Amino acid sequence: MTDIFRYKNRFMYFILGRDGAVDRSWLYCSGVSMSQFLPITRGRHGLASNPAMRGLQIADMNLSRDLRDNGAQIATVKGNPCDPLVPKGGDWYRQMLLISNADEQIVKELVGRGPLELIGSVFKACMISDAVPPEAAQQPDKFEALLAGICEKYSTQAGWPTTASAKGFRK
C-alpha cells in the first residue's frame, strides 16, 4: 500500500493508501492512543465507554456516511494490512475500512476532517470547553502540542499525572 494521505502524531493517526488490487479503491487506517487521552478522559466516562475510542468510532462512522453519500462503497477489512504504517506498542484503538468507487479528492478531503471530528467528539463527551481552531489541526505536530497542553491543564486540575498507562488508571 502506498499512502497518499498521512496524519500521525502521538494522539492519533489517519492514513489513506491506495489498494493496489483495484482502481479507485483505498485502504483507510485510523487509530487513537487511549493512554495519551487519559489525562482528560479519566473519571469522565463509565466502563467500556472511553470517549477517545468512541470519538474515533463516531469520526469513522461520519466518514463512511459521507463517502456513501458521494457514491462510494465501504467494506470492512480482514487482517491488518495497515500494520507496517501504524505505531507499535501502547494502548491503541484501531479501525480499518476499504473504500472503493470513490473520487480521490473527495476521499482525501473527508479523511482530512478526521482529526477535528475525533477531538470534537472527545471534548464534547468529556465536557472540555477549550476551543480547537480548525487551522490548529492542519499540522499533526502542532496539533499534538496543543492537545498535550490541554491534557496538562486538565490533569493538573484533577491532580493526576499527565502521562499514564490506560491499565494503571484505577486507584
N, C-alpha and C. Protein backbone atom coordinates (compact mmCIF):
# COMPACT_ATOMS: atom_id res chain seq x y z
N MET A 1 0.85 -1.18 0.00
CA MET A 1 0.00 0.00 0.00
C MET A 1 0.89 1.24 0.00
N THR A 2 0.64 2.14 -0.92
CA THR A 2 1.33 3.43 -0.93
C THR A 2 0.37 4.48 -0.38
N ASP A 3 0.83 5.18 0.64
CA ASP A 3 -0.08 6.15 1.27
C ASP A 3 -0.09 7.45 0.49
N ILE A 4 -1.29 8.03 0.41
CA ILE A 4 -1.45 9.31 -0.28
C ILE A 4 -1.89 10.39 0.70
N PHE A 5 -2.24 9.98 1.91
CA PHE A 5 -2.57 10.93 2.96
C PHE A 5 -2.12 10.30 4.28
N ARG A 6 -1.34 11.05 5.03
CA ARG A 6 -0.87 10.54 6.32
C ARG A 6 -0.94 11.67 7.35
N TYR A 7 -1.68 11.41 8.41
CA TYR A 7 -1.80 12.35 9.52
C TYR A 7 -1.50 11.53 10.77
N LYS A 8 -0.38 11.83 11.41
CA LYS A 8 0.06 10.97 12.50
C LYS A 8 0.76 11.79 13.58
N ASN A 9 0.33 11.62 14.82
CA ASN A 9 1.04 12.17 15.96
C ASN A 9 0.87 11.19 17.12
N ARG A 10 1.29 11.56 18.31
CA ARG A 10 1.24 10.58 19.41
C ARG A 10 -0.18 10.36 19.95
N PHE A 11 -1.15 11.16 19.52
CA PHE A 11 -2.53 11.02 19.97
C PHE A 11 -3.39 10.22 18.99
N MET A 12 -3.10 10.32 17.71
CA MET A 12 -3.98 9.72 16.70
C MET A 12 -3.25 9.52 15.38
N TYR A 13 -3.85 8.74 14.51
CA TYR A 13 -3.37 8.66 13.13
C TYR A 13 -4.54 8.41 12.19
N PHE A 14 -4.42 8.96 11.00
CA PHE A 14 -5.35 8.75 9.91
C PHE A 14 -4.49 8.55 8.67
N ILE A 15 -4.57 7.38 8.06
CA ILE A 15 -3.74 7.07 6.90
C ILE A 15 -4.64 6.56 5.79
N LEU A 16 -4.44 7.08 4.62
CA LEU A 16 -5.19 6.67 3.45
C LEU A 16 -4.18 6.22 2.40
N GLY A 17 -4.35 5.01 1.90
CA GLY A 17 -3.42 4.50 0.90
C GLY A 17 -4.17 3.79 -0.22
N ARG A 18 -3.51 3.73 -1.34
CA ARG A 18 -4.10 3.03 -2.50
C ARG A 18 -4.10 1.53 -2.25
N ASP A 19 -5.23 0.93 -2.58
CA ASP A 19 -5.31 -0.53 -2.57
C ASP A 19 -4.88 -0.97 -3.95
N GLY A 20 -3.74 -1.61 -4.04
CA GLY A 20 -3.17 -1.97 -5.34
C GLY A 20 -4.02 -2.91 -6.17
N ALA A 21 -4.97 -3.60 -5.56
CA ALA A 21 -5.75 -4.60 -6.27
C ALA A 21 -6.80 -4.00 -7.21
N VAL A 22 -7.35 -2.85 -6.85
CA VAL A 22 -8.48 -2.30 -7.61
C VAL A 22 -8.28 -0.80 -7.83
N ASP A 23 -8.60 -0.31 -9.05
CA ASP A 23 -8.58 1.13 -9.31
C ASP A 23 -9.67 1.81 -8.49
N ARG A 24 -9.43 3.08 -8.16
CA ARG A 24 -10.38 3.89 -7.41
C ARG A 24 -10.77 3.23 -6.09
N SER A 25 -9.79 2.56 -5.44
CA SER A 25 -10.06 1.98 -4.15
C SER A 25 -8.90 2.28 -3.21
N TRP A 26 -9.25 2.51 -1.95
CA TRP A 26 -8.27 2.93 -0.95
C TRP A 26 -8.46 2.14 0.33
N LEU A 27 -7.36 2.00 1.04
CA LEU A 27 -7.38 1.42 2.37
C LEU A 27 -7.26 2.57 3.36
N TYR A 28 -8.17 2.63 4.30
CA TYR A 28 -8.20 3.70 5.29
C TYR A 28 -7.89 3.09 6.66
N CYS A 29 -6.91 3.64 7.34
CA CYS A 29 -6.50 3.17 8.66
C CYS A 29 -6.58 4.33 9.63
N SER A 30 -7.20 4.11 10.78
CA SER A 30 -7.29 5.16 11.79
C SER A 30 -7.06 4.56 13.16
N GLY A 31 -6.55 5.38 14.06
CA GLY A 31 -6.31 4.90 15.41
C GLY A 31 -6.21 6.04 16.39
N VAL A 32 -6.48 5.73 17.65
CA VAL A 32 -6.39 6.71 18.72
C VAL A 32 -5.66 6.06 19.90
N SER A 33 -4.75 6.83 20.50
CA SER A 33 -4.00 6.35 21.66
C SER A 33 -4.82 6.59 22.92
N MET A 34 -5.25 5.51 23.53
CA MET A 34 -6.07 5.62 24.73
C MET A 34 -5.27 6.25 25.87
N SER A 35 -4.01 5.89 26.01
CA SER A 35 -3.22 6.39 27.13
C SER A 35 -2.89 7.87 27.00
N GLN A 36 -2.71 8.38 25.79
CA GLN A 36 -2.41 9.80 25.61
C GLN A 36 -3.60 10.68 26.00
N PHE A 37 -4.81 10.18 25.77
CA PHE A 37 -6.01 10.95 26.12
C PHE A 37 -6.43 10.76 27.58
N LEU A 38 -5.80 9.85 28.27
CA LEU A 38 -6.20 9.53 29.64
C LEU A 38 -6.27 10.73 30.58
N PRO A 39 -5.35 11.69 30.51
CA PRO A 39 -5.47 12.83 31.43
C PRO A 39 -6.78 13.61 31.31
N ILE A 40 -7.40 13.62 30.14
CA ILE A 40 -8.67 14.34 30.02
C ILE A 40 -9.88 13.41 30.05
N THR A 41 -9.69 12.13 29.78
CA THR A 41 -10.84 11.22 29.78
C THR A 41 -11.04 10.52 31.11
N ARG A 42 -10.00 10.41 31.92
CA ARG A 42 -10.08 9.67 33.18
C ARG A 42 -11.15 10.27 34.10
N GLY A 43 -12.00 9.39 34.60
CA GLY A 43 -13.04 9.82 35.51
C GLY A 43 -14.24 10.48 34.85
N ARG A 44 -14.23 10.56 33.52
CA ARG A 44 -15.33 11.23 32.81
C ARG A 44 -16.14 10.27 31.95
N HIS A 45 -16.05 8.98 32.27
CA HIS A 45 -16.81 8.01 31.50
C HIS A 45 -17.01 6.75 32.32
N GLY A 46 -17.95 5.94 31.90
CA GLY A 46 -18.22 4.68 32.58
C GLY A 46 -17.43 3.55 31.97
N LEU A 47 -17.66 2.37 32.46
CA LEU A 47 -16.98 1.19 31.93
C LEU A 47 -17.33 0.99 30.46
N ALA A 48 -16.34 0.64 29.69
CA ALA A 48 -16.49 0.33 28.26
C ALA A 48 -17.07 1.50 27.46
N SER A 49 -16.82 2.72 27.89
CA SER A 49 -17.33 3.87 27.13
C SER A 49 -16.26 4.96 27.07
N ASN A 50 -15.07 4.60 26.72
CA ASN A 50 -13.97 5.55 26.65
C ASN A 50 -14.25 6.59 25.56
N PRO A 51 -14.21 7.89 25.90
CA PRO A 51 -14.52 8.93 24.92
C PRO A 51 -13.55 8.95 23.73
N ALA A 52 -12.29 8.59 23.92
CA ALA A 52 -11.35 8.58 22.79
C ALA A 52 -11.73 7.48 21.80
N MET A 53 -12.03 6.30 22.32
CA MET A 53 -12.44 5.19 21.46
C MET A 53 -13.75 5.52 20.75
N ARG A 54 -14.69 6.03 21.49
CA ARG A 54 -15.98 6.38 20.90
C ARG A 54 -15.84 7.52 19.90
N GLY A 55 -14.95 8.46 20.19
CA GLY A 55 -14.72 9.56 19.27
C GLY A 55 -14.23 9.07 17.92
N LEU A 56 -13.32 8.09 17.93
CA LEU A 56 -12.83 7.54 16.66
C LEU A 56 -13.95 6.79 15.94
N GLN A 57 -14.75 6.05 16.69
CA GLN A 57 -15.87 5.34 16.06
C GLN A 57 -16.84 6.33 15.39
N ILE A 58 -17.12 7.42 16.07
CA ILE A 58 -18.04 8.42 15.51
C ILE A 58 -17.42 9.10 14.29
N ALA A 59 -16.15 9.46 14.37
CA ALA A 59 -15.47 10.10 13.22
C ALA A 59 -15.49 9.17 12.01
N ASP A 60 -15.21 7.88 12.24
CA ASP A 60 -15.20 6.92 11.13
C ASP A 60 -16.60 6.64 10.61
N MET A 61 -17.59 6.65 11.49
CA MET A 61 -18.97 6.45 11.06
C MET A 61 -19.42 7.63 10.18
N ASN A 62 -19.05 8.85 10.59
CA ASN A 62 -19.38 10.03 9.77
C ASN A 62 -18.67 9.98 8.43
N LEU A 63 -17.41 9.55 8.43
CA LEU A 63 -16.67 9.39 7.17
C LEU A 63 -17.38 8.41 6.25
N SER A 64 -17.76 7.26 6.79
CA SER A 64 -18.46 6.24 5.98
C SER A 64 -19.76 6.80 5.40
N ARG A 65 -20.51 7.49 6.23
CA ARG A 65 -21.78 8.07 5.77
C ARG A 65 -21.55 9.07 4.63
N ASP A 66 -20.57 9.97 4.84
CA ASP A 66 -20.30 10.99 3.82
C ASP A 66 -19.77 10.36 2.53
N LEU A 67 -18.96 9.34 2.65
CA LEU A 67 -18.46 8.66 1.45
C LEU A 67 -19.60 7.97 0.70
N ARG A 68 -20.49 7.31 1.43
CA ARG A 68 -21.65 6.66 0.79
C ARG A 68 -22.53 7.70 0.10
N ASP A 69 -22.69 8.86 0.75
CA ASP A 69 -23.49 9.94 0.15
C ASP A 69 -22.87 10.42 -1.17
N ASN A 70 -21.57 10.22 -1.33
CA ASN A 70 -20.87 10.60 -2.55
C ASN A 70 -20.67 9.42 -3.50
N GLY A 71 -21.38 8.32 -3.27
CA GLY A 71 -21.36 7.19 -4.19
C GLY A 71 -20.31 6.12 -3.93
N ALA A 72 -19.56 6.24 -2.87
CA ALA A 72 -18.52 5.25 -2.57
C ALA A 72 -19.13 4.02 -1.92
N GLN A 73 -18.37 2.95 -1.98
CA GLN A 73 -18.74 1.72 -1.28
C GLN A 73 -17.72 1.49 -0.18
N ILE A 74 -18.21 1.06 0.99
CA ILE A 74 -17.37 0.86 2.16
C ILE A 74 -17.45 -0.61 2.57
N ALA A 75 -16.30 -1.18 2.90
CA ALA A 75 -16.26 -2.58 3.37
C ALA A 75 -15.28 -2.68 4.52
N THR A 76 -15.52 -3.66 5.37
CA THR A 76 -14.58 -3.91 6.45
C THR A 76 -13.36 -4.63 5.90
N VAL A 77 -12.29 -4.61 6.65
CA VAL A 77 -11.03 -5.20 6.20
C VAL A 77 -10.67 -6.36 7.11
N LYS A 78 -10.28 -7.47 6.53
CA LYS A 78 -9.82 -8.61 7.32
C LYS A 78 -8.30 -8.54 7.44
N GLY A 79 -7.81 -9.02 8.55
CA GLY A 79 -6.37 -8.98 8.77
C GLY A 79 -5.95 -7.59 9.23
N ASN A 80 -4.67 -7.30 9.07
CA ASN A 80 -4.17 -5.98 9.46
C ASN A 80 -3.18 -5.46 8.42
N PRO A 81 -3.66 -5.07 7.24
CA PRO A 81 -2.75 -4.56 6.21
C PRO A 81 -2.12 -3.23 6.57
N CYS A 82 -2.63 -2.55 7.58
CA CYS A 82 -2.10 -1.25 8.00
C CYS A 82 -0.89 -1.40 8.93
N ASP A 83 -0.62 -2.58 9.41
CA ASP A 83 0.39 -2.79 10.44
C ASP A 83 1.73 -2.14 10.17
N PRO A 84 2.28 -2.20 8.95
CA PRO A 84 3.59 -1.56 8.74
C PRO A 84 3.57 -0.03 8.86
N LEU A 85 2.41 0.58 8.77
CA LEU A 85 2.30 2.04 8.73
C LEU A 85 1.92 2.69 10.06
N VAL A 86 1.49 1.89 11.03
CA VAL A 86 0.92 2.46 12.25
C VAL A 86 1.85 2.27 13.44
N PRO A 87 1.65 3.07 14.50
CA PRO A 87 2.51 2.96 15.69
C PRO A 87 2.41 1.58 16.34
N LYS A 88 3.50 1.16 16.90
CA LYS A 88 3.55 -0.14 17.60
C LYS A 88 3.53 0.12 19.10
N GLY A 89 3.03 -0.82 19.84
CA GLY A 89 3.02 -0.71 21.29
C GLY A 89 2.01 0.31 21.77
N GLY A 90 1.82 0.36 23.06
CA GLY A 90 0.87 1.31 23.63
C GLY A 90 -0.54 0.79 23.57
N ASP A 91 -1.44 1.60 23.97
CA ASP A 91 -2.85 1.25 24.03
C ASP A 91 -3.61 1.94 22.91
N TRP A 92 -3.48 1.41 21.70
CA TRP A 92 -4.11 2.00 20.53
C TRP A 92 -5.41 1.28 20.21
N TYR A 93 -6.44 2.05 19.94
CA TYR A 93 -7.67 1.51 19.39
C TYR A 93 -7.62 1.81 17.89
N ARG A 94 -7.79 0.79 17.07
CA ARG A 94 -7.59 0.93 15.62
C ARG A 94 -8.83 0.52 14.84
N GLN A 95 -9.00 1.14 13.68
CA GLN A 95 -10.07 0.79 12.76
C GLN A 95 -9.54 0.85 11.33
N MET A 96 -10.13 0.03 10.47
CA MET A 96 -9.73 0.00 9.06
C MET A 96 -10.97 -0.14 8.19
N LEU A 97 -10.92 0.49 7.03
CA LEU A 97 -12.01 0.40 6.05
C LEU A 97 -11.41 0.27 4.66
N LEU A 98 -12.12 -0.39 3.79
CA LEU A 98 -11.78 -0.43 2.37
C LEU A 98 -12.79 0.46 1.67
N ILE A 99 -12.30 1.47 0.98
CA ILE A 99 -13.15 2.43 0.28
C ILE A 99 -12.99 2.19 -1.21
N SER A 100 -14.08 2.01 -1.91
CA SER A 100 -13.97 1.80 -3.36
C SER A 100 -15.02 2.63 -4.09
N ASN A 101 -14.77 2.81 -5.38
CA ASN A 101 -15.65 3.56 -6.26
C ASN A 101 -15.84 4.99 -5.77
N ALA A 102 -14.71 5.63 -5.44
CA ALA A 102 -14.79 6.99 -4.90
C ALA A 102 -13.76 7.88 -5.57
N ASP A 103 -14.09 9.15 -5.68
CA ASP A 103 -13.20 10.15 -6.24
C ASP A 103 -12.08 10.45 -5.22
N GLU A 104 -10.84 10.45 -5.68
CA GLU A 104 -9.69 10.64 -4.79
C GLU A 104 -9.75 11.95 -4.02
N GLN A 105 -10.12 13.03 -4.66
CA GLN A 105 -10.17 14.33 -3.99
C GLN A 105 -11.20 14.35 -2.87
N ILE A 106 -12.36 13.76 -3.11
CA ILE A 106 -13.40 13.70 -2.09
C ILE A 106 -12.93 12.85 -0.91
N VAL A 107 -12.30 11.72 -1.20
CA VAL A 107 -11.80 10.85 -0.14
C VAL A 107 -10.77 11.57 0.71
N LYS A 108 -9.80 12.23 0.07
CA LYS A 108 -8.78 12.98 0.82
C LYS A 108 -9.40 14.06 1.69
N GLU A 109 -10.35 14.80 1.14
CA GLU A 109 -11.00 15.87 1.89
C GLU A 109 -11.73 15.33 3.10
N LEU A 110 -12.49 14.25 2.92
CA LEU A 110 -13.26 13.69 4.02
C LEU A 110 -12.36 13.08 5.09
N VAL A 111 -11.32 12.37 4.69
CA VAL A 111 -10.39 11.79 5.65
C VAL A 111 -9.66 12.90 6.42
N GLY A 112 -9.37 14.00 5.74
CA GLY A 112 -8.69 15.12 6.38
C GLY A 112 -9.48 15.77 7.50
N ARG A 113 -10.79 15.55 7.52
CA ARG A 113 -11.62 16.10 8.60
C ARG A 113 -11.57 15.24 9.86
N GLY A 114 -11.01 14.05 9.77
CA GLY A 114 -10.99 13.10 10.88
C GLY A 114 -10.44 13.62 12.19
N PRO A 115 -9.26 14.26 12.19
CA PRO A 115 -8.72 14.73 13.47
C PRO A 115 -9.63 15.69 14.22
N LEU A 116 -10.22 16.65 13.52
CA LEU A 116 -11.12 17.59 14.20
C LEU A 116 -12.41 16.92 14.67
N GLU A 117 -12.93 15.99 13.88
CA GLU A 117 -14.14 15.28 14.29
C GLU A 117 -13.87 14.44 15.53
N LEU A 118 -12.72 13.78 15.55
CA LEU A 118 -12.34 12.98 16.71
C LEU A 118 -12.27 13.84 17.97
N ILE A 119 -11.52 14.94 17.89
CA ILE A 119 -11.34 15.80 19.05
C ILE A 119 -12.66 16.45 19.48
N GLY A 120 -13.47 16.85 18.52
CA GLY A 120 -14.78 17.43 18.85
C GLY A 120 -15.63 16.46 19.65
N SER A 121 -15.62 15.20 19.26
CA SER A 121 -16.40 14.19 19.95
C SER A 121 -15.85 13.91 21.35
N VAL A 122 -14.52 13.81 21.47
CA VAL A 122 -13.90 13.55 22.77
C VAL A 122 -14.17 14.72 23.72
N PHE A 123 -13.98 15.93 23.25
CA PHE A 123 -14.19 17.11 24.10
C PHE A 123 -15.65 17.22 24.54
N LYS A 124 -16.56 16.93 23.63
CA LYS A 124 -17.97 17.01 23.98
C LYS A 124 -18.30 15.97 25.06
N ALA A 125 -17.83 14.75 24.90
CA ALA A 125 -18.11 13.70 25.87
C ALA A 125 -17.49 14.00 27.23
N CYS A 126 -16.33 14.64 27.23
CA CYS A 126 -15.62 14.95 28.49
C CYS A 126 -15.96 16.32 29.03
N MET A 127 -16.85 17.03 28.35
CA MET A 127 -17.25 18.39 28.74
C MET A 127 -16.04 19.33 28.84
N ILE A 128 -15.16 19.22 27.86
CA ILE A 128 -13.99 20.09 27.75
C ILE A 128 -14.42 21.33 26.97
N SER A 129 -14.23 22.49 27.54
CA SER A 129 -14.73 23.71 26.91
C SER A 129 -13.70 24.39 26.00
N ASP A 130 -12.45 23.91 26.01
CA ASP A 130 -11.42 24.53 25.17
C ASP A 130 -11.81 24.42 23.70
N ALA A 131 -11.68 25.51 23.00
CA ALA A 131 -11.97 25.52 21.56
C ALA A 131 -10.71 25.16 20.79
N VAL A 132 -10.87 24.35 19.78
CA VAL A 132 -9.75 23.99 18.92
C VAL A 132 -9.99 24.62 17.56
N PRO A 133 -9.18 25.61 17.20
CA PRO A 133 -9.37 26.24 15.88
C PRO A 133 -9.04 25.25 14.77
N PRO A 134 -9.84 25.23 13.71
CA PRO A 134 -9.61 24.27 12.62
C PRO A 134 -8.20 24.30 12.05
N GLU A 135 -7.59 25.49 11.98
CA GLU A 135 -6.23 25.56 11.42
C GLU A 135 -5.20 24.87 12.31
N ALA A 136 -5.50 24.71 13.60
CA ALA A 136 -4.57 24.03 14.51
C ALA A 136 -4.44 22.56 14.17
N ALA A 137 -5.49 21.98 13.61
CA ALA A 137 -5.47 20.55 13.29
C ALA A 137 -4.82 20.24 11.95
N GLN A 138 -4.43 21.26 11.19
CA GLN A 138 -3.87 21.01 9.86
C GLN A 138 -2.48 20.40 9.90
N GLN A 139 -1.72 20.66 10.93
CA GLN A 139 -0.37 20.12 11.03
C GLN A 139 -0.30 19.19 12.24
N PRO A 140 -0.01 17.91 12.03
CA PRO A 140 -0.04 16.93 13.13
C PRO A 140 0.84 17.30 14.32
N ASP A 141 2.04 17.84 14.09
CA ASP A 141 2.93 18.16 15.21
C ASP A 141 2.40 19.32 16.03
N LYS A 142 1.83 20.34 15.39
CA LYS A 142 1.26 21.47 16.13
C LYS A 142 0.00 21.05 16.89
N PHE A 143 -0.78 20.18 16.27
CA PHE A 143 -1.98 19.68 16.93
C PHE A 143 -1.59 18.85 18.15
N GLU A 144 -0.55 18.06 18.01
CA GLU A 144 -0.05 17.26 19.14
C GLU A 144 0.34 18.16 20.30
N ALA A 145 1.05 19.25 20.01
CA ALA A 145 1.46 20.18 21.07
C ALA A 145 0.25 20.82 21.74
N LEU A 146 -0.74 21.20 20.96
CA LEU A 146 -1.96 21.79 21.50
C LEU A 146 -2.67 20.79 22.42
N LEU A 147 -2.83 19.55 21.96
CA LEU A 147 -3.50 18.53 22.77
C LEU A 147 -2.71 18.20 24.03
N ALA A 148 -1.38 18.17 23.93
CA ALA A 148 -0.55 17.91 25.10
C ALA A 148 -0.76 19.00 26.15
N GLY A 149 -0.85 20.25 25.71
CA GLY A 149 -1.11 21.35 26.64
C GLY A 149 -2.46 21.24 27.31
N ILE A 150 -3.47 20.84 26.54
CA ILE A 150 -4.82 20.67 27.11
C ILE A 150 -4.82 19.52 28.11
N CYS A 151 -4.14 18.43 27.78
CA CYS A 151 -4.03 17.30 28.71
C CYS A 151 -3.32 17.72 29.99
N GLU A 152 -2.27 18.50 29.85
CA GLU A 152 -1.53 19.01 31.01
C GLU A 152 -2.44 19.85 31.91
N LYS A 153 -3.19 20.73 31.29
CA LYS A 153 -4.09 21.62 32.03
C LYS A 153 -5.12 20.82 32.82
N TYR A 154 -5.78 19.86 32.17
CA TYR A 154 -6.85 19.13 32.84
C TYR A 154 -6.31 18.10 33.83
N SER A 155 -5.14 17.57 33.61
CA SER A 155 -4.61 16.60 34.57
C SER A 155 -4.12 17.29 35.83
N THR A 156 -3.55 18.49 35.71
CA THR A 156 -3.10 19.21 36.91
C THR A 156 -4.29 19.73 37.71
N GLN A 157 -5.39 20.07 37.05
CA GLN A 157 -6.59 20.49 37.77
C GLN A 157 -7.13 19.35 38.63
N ALA A 158 -7.03 18.13 38.08
CA ALA A 158 -7.55 16.97 38.79
C ALA A 158 -6.52 16.34 39.71
N GLY A 159 -5.26 16.78 39.61
CA GLY A 159 -4.20 16.22 40.44
C GLY A 159 -3.68 14.89 39.94
N TRP A 160 -3.87 14.59 38.65
CA TRP A 160 -3.40 13.33 38.08
C TRP A 160 -2.13 13.56 37.30
N PRO A 161 -1.31 12.53 37.15
CA PRO A 161 -0.12 12.68 36.31
C PRO A 161 -0.52 12.88 34.86
N THR A 162 0.34 13.57 34.10
CA THR A 162 -0.01 13.85 32.70
C THR A 162 0.27 12.67 31.79
N THR A 163 1.11 11.76 32.22
CA THR A 163 1.32 10.55 31.44
C THR A 163 0.92 9.38 32.30
N ALA A 164 0.18 8.49 31.69
CA ALA A 164 -0.31 7.34 32.45
C ALA A 164 -0.56 6.19 31.51
N SER A 165 -0.55 5.02 32.06
CA SER A 165 -0.93 3.84 31.30
C SER A 165 -2.42 3.67 31.43
N ALA A 166 -3.06 3.28 30.37
CA ALA A 166 -4.50 3.04 30.44
C ALA A 166 -4.80 1.93 31.42
N LYS A 167 -3.85 1.03 31.65
CA LYS A 167 -4.06 -0.06 32.59
C LYS A 167 -3.88 0.40 34.03
N GLY A 168 -3.26 1.56 34.25
CA GLY A 168 -2.96 2.00 35.59
C GLY A 168 -3.85 3.13 36.07
N PHE A 169 -5.07 3.25 35.55
CA PHE A 169 -5.88 4.39 35.92
C PHE A 169 -6.70 4.15 37.19
N ARG A 170 -6.81 2.92 37.66
CA ARG A 170 -7.58 2.67 38.89
C ARG A 170 -6.75 3.02 40.10
N LYS A 171 -7.41 3.48 41.12
CA LYS A 171 -6.72 3.82 42.38
C LYS A 171 -6.82 2.66 43.34
